PDB file of N, CA and C in Angstrom:
ATOM      1  N   MET A   1     -60.765  20.478 -20.989  1.00  0.00           N
ATOM      2  CA  MET A   1     -61.676  21.432 -20.406  1.00  0.00           C
ATOM      3  C   MET A   1     -62.438  22.112 -21.536  1.00  0.00           C
ATOM      4  N   ALA A   2     -63.744  21.990 -21.496  1.00  0.00           N
ATOM      5  CA  ALA A   2     -64.583  22.593 -22.532  1.00  0.00           C
ATOM      6  C   ALA A   2     -65.266  23.832 -21.960  1.00  0.00           C
ATOM      7  N   ILE A   3     -64.882  24.974 -22.488  1.00  0.00           N
ATOM      8  CA  ILE A   3     -65.499  26.226 -22.071  1.00  0.00           C
ATOM      9  C   ILE A   3     -65.806  27.018 -23.332  1.00  0.00           C
ATOM     10  N   THR A   4     -66.911  27.718 -23.316  1.00  0.00           N
ATOM     11  CA  THR A   4     -67.276  28.475 -24.507  1.00  0.00           C
ATOM     12  C   THR A   4     -66.430  29.744 -24.602  1.00  0.00           C
ATOM     13  N   ARG A   5     -66.350  30.244 -25.801  1.00  0.00           N
ATOM     14  CA  ARG A   5     -65.605  31.478 -26.043  1.00  0.00           C
ATOM     15  C   ARG A   5     -66.229  32.620 -25.240  1.00  0.00           C
ATOM     16  N   ASP A   6     -67.553  32.707 -25.254  1.00  0.00           N
ATOM     17  CA  ASP A   6     -68.230  33.780 -24.520  1.00  0.00           C
ATOM     18  C   ASP A   6     -67.968  33.690 -23.017  1.00  0.00           C
ATOM     19  N   ALA A   7     -67.982  32.480 -22.486  1.00  0.00           N
ATOM     20  CA  ALA A   7     -67.710  32.307 -21.056  1.00  0.00           C
ATOM     21  C   ALA A   7     -66.287  32.735 -20.725  1.00  0.00           C
ATOM     22  N   LEU A   8     -65.337  32.382 -21.592  1.00  0.00           N
ATOM     23  CA  LEU A   8     -63.950  32.760 -21.339  1.00  0.00           C
ATOM     24  C   LEU A   8     -63.763  34.274 -21.463  1.00  0.00           C
ATOM     25  N   ILE A   9     -64.415  34.886 -22.436  1.00  0.00           N
ATOM     26  CA  ILE A   9     -64.342  36.346 -22.554  1.00  0.00           C
ATOM     27  C   ILE A   9     -64.885  36.990 -21.275  1.00  0.00           C
ATOM     28  N   GLY A  10     -65.954  36.432 -20.729  1.00  0.00           N
ATOM     29  CA  GLY A  10     -66.509  36.933 -19.473  1.00  0.00           C
ATOM     30  C   GLY A  10     -65.534  36.803 -18.315  1.00  0.00           C
ATOM     31  N   ILE A  11     -64.856  35.673 -18.240  1.00  0.00           N
ATOM     32  CA  ILE A  11     -63.862  35.453 -17.187  1.00  0.00           C
ATOM     33  C   ILE A  11     -62.733  36.472 -17.315  1.00  0.00           C
ATOM     34  N   LEU A  12     -62.253  36.660 -18.532  1.00  0.00           N
ATOM     35  CA  LEU A  12     -61.152  37.600 -18.745  1.00  0.00           C
ATOM     36  C   LEU A  12     -61.588  39.029 -18.427  1.00  0.00           C
ATOM     37  N   ALA A  13     -62.840  39.365 -18.737  1.00  0.00           N
ATOM     38  CA  ALA A  13     -63.357  40.699 -18.405  1.00  0.00           C
ATOM     39  C   ALA A  13     -63.417  40.881 -16.888  1.00  0.00           C
ATOM     40  N   GLU A  14     -63.828  39.844 -16.182  1.00  0.00           N
ATOM     41  CA  GLU A  14     -63.868  39.914 -14.719  1.00  0.00           C
ATOM     42  C   GLU A  14     -62.471  40.050 -14.141  1.00  0.00           C
ATOM     43  N   ALA A  15     -61.539  39.275 -14.674  1.00  0.00           N
ATOM     44  CA  ALA A  15     -60.153  39.312 -14.193  1.00  0.00           C
ATOM     45  C   ALA A  15     -59.504  40.650 -14.547  1.00  0.00           C
ATOM     46  N   ASP A  16     -59.823  41.161 -15.723  1.00  0.00           N
ATOM     47  CA  ASP A  16     -59.323  42.448 -16.219  1.00  0.00           C
ATOM     48  C   ASP A  16     -57.833  42.636 -15.922  1.00  0.00           C
ATOM     49  N   PRO A  17     -56.986  41.727 -16.438  1.00  0.00           N
ATOM     50  CA  PRO A  17     -55.574  41.734 -16.082  1.00  0.00           C
ATOM     51  C   PRO A  17     -54.830  43.025 -16.409  1.00  0.00           C
ATOM     52  N   VAL A  18     -55.263  43.732 -17.430  1.00  0.00           N
ATOM     53  CA  VAL A  18     -54.549  44.937 -17.853  1.00  0.00           C
ATOM     54  C   VAL A  18     -55.304  46.208 -17.429  1.00  0.00           C
ATOM     55  N   GLY A  19     -56.493  46.048 -16.866  1.00  0.00           N
ATOM     56  CA  GLY A  19     -57.258  47.183 -16.392  1.00  0.00           C
ATOM     57  C   GLY A  19     -58.053  47.906 -17.465  1.00  0.00           C
ATOM     58  N   LEU A  20     -58.257  47.262 -18.602  1.00  0.00           N
ATOM     59  CA  LEU A  20     -58.974  47.907 -19.702  1.00  0.00           C
ATOM     60  C   LEU A  20     -60.464  48.070 -19.407  1.00  0.00           C
ATOM     61  N   ILE A  21     -61.066  47.060 -18.797  1.00  0.00           N
ATOM     62  CA  ILE A  21     -62.495  47.112 -18.481  1.00  0.00           C
ATOM     63  C   ILE A  21     -62.732  48.222 -17.446  1.00  0.00           C
ATOM     64  N   ALA A  22     -61.851  48.298 -16.469  1.00  0.00           N
ATOM     65  CA  ALA A  22     -61.966  49.341 -15.444  1.00  0.00           C
ATOM     66  C   ALA A  22     -61.865  50.742 -16.057  1.00  0.00           C
ATOM     67  N   ASP A  23     -61.161  50.836 -17.175  1.00  0.00           N
ATOM     68  CA  ASP A  23     -61.015  52.120 -17.868  1.00  0.00           C
ATOM     69  C   ASP A  23     -62.153  52.392 -18.849  1.00  0.00           C
ATOM     70  N   GLY A  24     -63.158  51.492 -18.888  1.00  0.00           N
ATOM     71  CA  GLY A  24     -64.329  51.726 -19.721  1.00  0.00           C
ATOM     72  C   GLY A  24     -64.363  50.986 -21.042  1.00  0.00           C
ATOM     73  N   ALA A  25     -63.416  50.083 -21.276  1.00  0.00           N
ATOM     74  CA  ALA A  25     -63.415  49.299 -22.516  1.00  0.00           C
ATOM     75  C   ALA A  25     -64.601  48.335 -22.526  1.00  0.00           C
ATOM     76  N   PRO A  26     -65.058  47.933 -23.714  1.00  0.00           N
ATOM     77  CA  PRO A  26     -66.181  46.994 -23.798  1.00  0.00           C
ATOM     78  C   PRO A  26     -65.833  45.634 -23.190  1.00  0.00           C
ATOM     79  N   GLN A  27     -66.867  44.903 -22.792  1.00  0.00           N
ATOM     80  CA  GLN A  27     -66.688  43.602 -22.136  1.00  0.00           C
ATOM     81  C   GLN A  27     -65.956  42.583 -23.001  1.00  0.00           C
ATOM     82  N   ASP A  28     -65.982  42.756 -24.324  1.00  0.00           N
ATOM     83  CA  ASP A  28     -65.304  41.782 -25.195  1.00  0.00           C
ATOM     84  C   ASP A  28     -63.889  42.213 -25.576  1.00  0.00           C
ATOM     85  N   THR A  29     -63.336  43.131 -24.833  1.00  0.00           N
ATOM     86  CA  THR A  29     -61.994  43.649 -25.109  1.00  0.00           C
ATOM     87  C   THR A  29     -60.945  42.545 -25.167  1.00  0.00           C
ATOM     88  N   TYR A  30     -61.096  41.526 -24.365  1.00  0.00           N
ATOM     89  CA  TYR A  30     -60.103  40.446 -24.302  1.00  0.00           C
ATOM     90  C   TYR A  30     -60.457  39.262 -25.208  1.00  0.00           C
ATOM     91  N   ALA A  31     -61.237  39.497 -26.256  1.00  0.00           N
ATOM     92  CA  ALA A  31     -61.637  38.414 -27.165  1.00  0.00           C
ATOM     93  C   ALA A  31     -60.437  37.769 -27.853  1.00  0.00           C
ATOM     94  N   ALA A  32     -59.468  38.560 -28.276  1.00  0.00           N
ATOM     95  CA  ALA A  32     -58.281  37.993 -28.946  1.00  0.00           C
ATOM     96  C   ALA A  32     -57.497  37.097 -27.997  1.00  0.00           C
ATOM     97  N   GLU A  33     -57.397  37.495 -26.744  1.00  0.00           N
ATOM     98  CA  GLU A  33     -56.697  36.688 -25.750  1.00  0.00           C
ATOM     99  C   GLU A  33     -57.489  35.408 -25.454  1.00  0.00           C
ATOM    100  N   ALA A  34     -58.806  35.523 -25.414  1.00  0.00           N
ATOM    101  CA  ALA A  34     -59.644  34.334 -25.227  1.00  0.00           C
ATOM    102  C   ALA A  34     -59.407  33.346 -26.366  1.00  0.00           C
ATOM    103  N   ASP A  35     -59.360  33.841 -27.590  1.00  0.00           N
ATOM    104  CA  ASP A  35     -59.106  32.964 -28.744  1.00  0.00           C
ATOM    105  C   ASP A  35     -57.746  32.284 -28.629  1.00  0.00           C
ATOM    106  N   ALA A  36     -56.743  33.039 -28.205  1.00  0.00           N
ATOM    107  CA  ALA A  36     -55.396  32.472 -28.060  1.00  0.00           C
ATOM    108  C   ALA A  36     -55.376  31.399 -26.975  1.00  0.00           C
ATOM    109  N   ILE A  37     -56.079  31.624 -25.888  1.00  0.00           N
ATOM    110  CA  ILE A  37     -56.132  30.634 -24.807  1.00  0.00           C
ATOM    111  C   ILE A  37     -56.889  29.394 -25.263  1.00  0.00           C
ATOM    112  N   LEU A  38     -57.982  29.590 -25.961  1.00  0.00           N
ATOM    113  CA  LEU A  38     -58.762  28.446 -26.459  1.00  0.00           C
ATOM    114  C   LEU A  38     -57.985  27.620 -27.474  1.00  0.00           C
ATOM    115  N   ALA A  39     -57.021  28.228 -28.149  1.00  0.00           N
ATOM    116  CA  ALA A  39     -56.207  27.511 -29.135  1.00  0.00           C
ATOM    117  C   ALA A  39     -55.138  26.631 -28.483  1.00  0.00           C
ATOM    118  N   LEU A  40     -54.897  26.832 -27.192  1.00  0.00           N
ATOM    119  CA  LEU A  40     -53.901  26.019 -26.489  1.00  0.00           C
ATOM    120  C   LEU A  40     -54.419  24.592 -26.341  1.00  0.00           C
ATOM    121  N   LYS A  41     -53.511  23.663 -26.292  1.00  0.00           N
ATOM    122  CA  LYS A  41     -53.872  22.244 -26.121  1.00  0.00           C
ATOM    123  C   LYS A  41     -54.013  21.906 -24.649  1.00  0.00           C
ATOM    124  N   GLY A  42     -55.096  21.218 -24.306  1.00  0.00           N
ATOM    125  CA  GLY A  42     -55.301  20.773 -22.932  1.00  0.00           C
ATOM    126  C   GLY A  42     -55.621  21.919 -21.993  1.00  0.00           C
ATOM    127  N   VAL A  43     -55.408  21.677 -20.709  1.00  0.00           N
ATOM    128  CA  VAL A  43     -55.655  22.692 -19.688  1.00  0.00           C
ATOM    129  C   VAL A  43     -54.498  23.682 -19.729  1.00  0.00           C
ATOM    130  N   PRO A  44     -54.797  24.956 -19.912  1.00  0.00           N
ATOM    131  CA  PRO A  44     -53.716  25.939 -19.998  1.00  0.00           C
ATOM    132  C   PRO A  44     -52.950  26.051 -18.684  1.00  0.00           C
ATOM    133  N   THR A  45     -51.659  26.241 -18.797  1.00  0.00           N
ATOM    134  CA  THR A  45     -50.826  26.441 -17.616  1.00  0.00           C
ATOM    135  C   THR A  45     -50.790  27.933 -17.280  1.00  0.00           C
ATOM    136  N   LEU A  46     -50.337  28.240 -16.083  1.00  0.00           N
ATOM    137  CA  LEU A  46     -50.219  29.638 -15.692  1.00  0.00           C
ATOM    138  C   LEU A  46     -49.246  30.368 -16.615  1.00  0.00           C
ATOM    139  N   THR A  47     -48.167  29.709 -16.973  1.00  0.00           N
ATOM    140  CA  THR A  47     -47.176  30.310 -17.870  1.00  0.00           C
ATOM    141  C   THR A  47     -47.782  30.596 -19.235  1.00  0.00           C
ATOM    142  N   GLU A  48     -48.607  29.690 -19.742  1.00  0.00           N
ATOM    143  CA  GLU A  48     -49.244  29.921 -21.040  1.00  0.00           C
ATOM    144  C   GLU A  48     -50.197  31.119 -20.982  1.00  0.00           C
ATOM    145  N   ILE A  49     -50.955  31.212 -19.908  1.00  0.00           N
ATOM    146  CA  ILE A  49     -51.891  32.333 -19.759  1.00  0.00           C
ATOM    147  C   ILE A  49     -51.123  33.651 -19.679  1.00  0.00           C
ATOM    148  N   THR A  50     -50.115  33.710 -18.823  1.00  0.00           N
ATOM    149  CA  THR A  50     -49.353  34.957 -18.690  1.00  0.00           C
ATOM    150  C   THR A  50     -48.653  35.300 -20.001  1.00  0.00           C
ATOM    151  N   SER A  51     -48.204  34.291 -20.727  1.00  0.00           N
ATOM    152  CA  SER A  51     -47.541  34.527 -22.010  1.00  0.00           C
ATOM    153  C   SER A  51     -48.483  35.123 -23.045  1.00  0.00           C
ATOM    154  N   VAL A  52     -49.722  34.670 -23.067  1.00  0.00           N
ATOM    155  CA  VAL A  52     -50.710  35.222 -23.999  1.00  0.00           C
ATOM    156  C   VAL A  52     -50.831  36.733 -23.792  1.00  0.00           C
ATOM    157  N   PHE A  53     -50.906  37.158 -22.557  1.00  0.00           N
ATOM    158  CA  PHE A  53     -51.040  38.588 -22.271  1.00  0.00           C
ATOM    159  C   PHE A  53     -49.734  39.343 -22.516  1.00  0.00           C
ATOM    160  N   THR A  54     -48.608  38.716 -22.234  1.00  0.00           N
ATOM    161  CA  THR A  54     -47.318  39.344 -22.509  1.00  0.00           C
ATOM    162  C   THR A  54     -47.175  39.632 -23.994  1.00  0.00           C
ATOM    163  N   VAL A  55     -47.542  38.670 -24.827  1.00  0.00           N
ATOM    164  CA  VAL A  55     -47.443  38.840 -26.279  1.00  0.00           C
ATOM    165  C   VAL A  55     -48.471  39.878 -26.757  1.00  0.00           C
ATOM    166  N   SER A  56     -49.695  39.781 -26.298  1.00  0.00           N
ATOM    167  CA  SER A  56     -50.748  40.688 -26.758  1.00  0.00           C
ATOM    168  C   SER A  56     -50.459  42.145 -26.428  1.00  0.00           C
ATOM    169  N   PHE A  57     -49.916  42.375 -25.256  1.00  0.00           N
ATOM    170  CA  PHE A  57     -49.740  43.748 -24.793  1.00  0.00           C
ATOM    171  C   PHE A  57     -48.278  44.189 -24.785  1.00  0.00           C
ATOM    172  N   SER A  58     -47.393  43.314 -25.296  1.00  0.00           N
ATOM    173  CA  SER A  58     -45.951  43.630 -25.352  1.00  0.00           C
ATOM    174  C   SER A  58     -45.446  44.151 -24.009  1.00  0.00           C
ATOM    175  N   GLU A  59     -45.933  43.499 -22.962  1.00  0.00           N
ATOM    176  CA  GLU A  59     -45.579  43.947 -21.619  1.00  0.00           C
ATOM    177  C   GLU A  59     -45.449  42.740 -20.688  1.00  0.00           C
ATOM    178  N   PRO A  60     -44.212  42.371 -20.356  1.00  0.00           N
ATOM    179  CA  PRO A  60     -44.050  41.281 -19.386  1.00  0.00           C
ATOM    180  C   PRO A  60     -44.764  41.658 -18.084  1.00  0.00           C
ATOM    181  N   GLY A  61     -45.460  40.717 -17.523  1.00  0.00           N
ATOM    182  CA  GLY A  61     -46.185  40.961 -16.287  1.00  0.00           C
ATOM    183  C   GLY A  61     -47.556  41.589 -16.494  1.00  0.00           C
ATOM    184  N   ALA A  62     -48.013  41.660 -17.753  1.00  0.00           N
ATOM    185  CA  ALA A  62     -49.340  42.223 -18.025  1.00  0.00           C
ATOM    186  C   ALA A  62     -50.417  41.443 -17.281  1.00  0.00           C
ATOM    187  N   CYS A  63     -50.192  40.157 -17.114  1.00  0.00           N
ATOM    188  CA  CYS A  63     -51.097  39.302 -16.345  1.00  0.00           C
ATOM    189  C   CYS A  63     -50.248  38.593 -15.292  1.00  0.00           C
ATOM    190  N   THR A  64     -50.544  38.848 -14.033  1.00  0.00           N
ATOM    191  CA  THR A  64     -49.762  38.225 -12.963  1.00  0.00           C
ATOM    192  C   THR A  64     -50.097  36.734 -12.854  1.00  0.00           C
ATOM    193  N   ARG A  65     -49.237  36.004 -12.195  1.00  0.00           N
ATOM    194  CA  ARG A  65     -49.501  34.574 -11.986  1.00  0.00           C
ATOM    195  C   ARG A  65     -50.745  34.373 -11.126  1.00  0.00           C
ATOM    196  N   ASP A  66     -50.973  35.248 -10.162  1.00  0.00           N
ATOM    197  CA  ASP A  66     -52.179  35.135  -9.326  1.00  0.00           C
ATOM    198  C   ASP A  66     -53.436  35.307 -10.165  1.00  0.00           C
ATOM    199  N   THR A  67     -53.414  36.273 -11.076  1.00  0.00           N
ATOM    200  CA  THR A  67     -54.559  36.478 -11.957  1.00  0.00           C
ATOM    201  C   THR A  67     -54.717  35.298 -12.900  1.00  0.00           C
ATOM    202  N   ALA A  68     -53.612  34.807 -13.429  1.00  0.00           N
ATOM    203  CA  ALA A  68     -53.660  33.639 -14.316  1.00  0.00           C
ATOM    204  C   ALA A  68     -54.228  32.432 -13.574  1.00  0.00           C
ATOM    205  N   ARG A  69     -53.835  32.257 -12.323  1.00  0.00           N
ATOM    206  CA  ARG A  69     -54.353  31.142 -11.510  1.00  0.00           C
ATOM    207  C   ARG A  69     -55.867  31.269 -11.359  1.00  0.00           C
ATOM    208  N   TRP A  70     -56.349  32.466 -11.079  1.00  0.00           N
ATOM    209  CA  TRP A  70     -57.786  32.688 -10.940  1.00  0.00           C
ATOM    210  C   TRP A  70     -58.501  32.378 -12.252  1.00  0.00           C
ATOM    211  N   ILE A  71     -57.921  32.793 -13.377  1.00  0.00           N
ATOM    212  CA  ILE A  71     -58.520  32.528 -14.683  1.00  0.00           C
ATOM    213  C   ILE A  71     -58.651  31.023 -14.906  1.00  0.00           C
ATOM    214  N   VAL A  72     -57.589  30.276 -14.644  1.00  0.00           N
ATOM    215  CA  VAL A  72     -57.618  28.819 -14.840  1.00  0.00           C
ATOM    216  C   VAL A  72     -58.643  28.173 -13.915  1.00  0.00           C
ATOM    217  N   GLU A  73     -58.691  28.618 -12.663  1.00  0.00           N
ATOM    218  CA  GLU A  73     -59.663  28.067 -11.719  1.00  0.00           C
ATOM    219  C   GLU A  73     -61.094  28.351 -12.176  1.00  0.00           C
ATOM    220  N   GLU A  74     -61.352  29.565 -12.633  1.00  0.00           N
ATOM    221  CA  GLU A  74     -62.691  29.914 -13.115  1.00  0.00           C
ATOM    222  C   GLU A  74     -63.048  29.133 -14.368  1.00  0.00           C
ATOM    223  N   MET A  75     -62.079  28.918 -15.242  1.00  0.00           N
ATOM    224  CA  MET A  75     -62.334  28.104 -16.436  1.00  0.00           C
ATOM    225  C   MET A  75     -62.797  26.715 -16.019  1.00  0.00           C
ATOM    226  N   GLY A  76     -62.152  26.144 -15.020  1.00  0.00           N
ATOM    227  CA  GLY A  76     -62.545  24.830 -14.521  1.00  0.00           C
ATOM    228  C   GLY A  76     -63.931  24.829 -13.916  1.00  0.00           C
ATOM    229  N   ARG A  77     -64.247  25.865 -13.157  1.00  0.00           N
ATOM    230  CA  ARG A  77     -65.557  25.961 -12.508  1.00  0.00           C
ATOM    231  C   ARG A  77     -66.686  26.127 -13.539  1.00  0.00           C
ATOM    232  N   ARG A  78     -66.420  26.893 -14.580  1.00  0.00           N
ATOM    233  CA  ARG A  78     -67.481  27.245 -15.528  1.00  0.00           C
ATOM    234  C   ARG A  78     -67.524  26.368 -16.759  1.00  0.00           C
ATOM    235  N   ALA A  79     -66.601  25.423 -16.859  1.00  0.00           N
ATOM    236  CA  ALA A  79     -66.586  24.527 -18.018  1.00  0.00           C
ATOM    237  C   ALA A  79     -67.858  23.693 -18.028  1.00  0.00           C
ATOM    238  N   GLY A  80     -68.419  23.542 -19.216  1.00  0.00           N
ATOM    239  CA  GLY A  80     -69.679  22.811 -19.343  1.00  0.00           C
ATOM    240  C   GLY A  80     -69.472  21.413 -19.524  1.00  0.00           C
TER     241      GLY A  80
END
């Protein structure tokens, strides 16, 4: 799946798994998480996505499986 970094940052901002964007954070707040997801091999799994957020925010459940599923689906839809 080929998706640009900017497109993935946009998806993560829309998903806003931790609520940072809703609290007024800039749209690129999840850039580090986007980089971590892009570094994964192949199509990311839901567990890999949730793990990226768990590690980044030191909080299990920072990204729910439902949110991770939406992120993966959007990545597929927006891949160039």
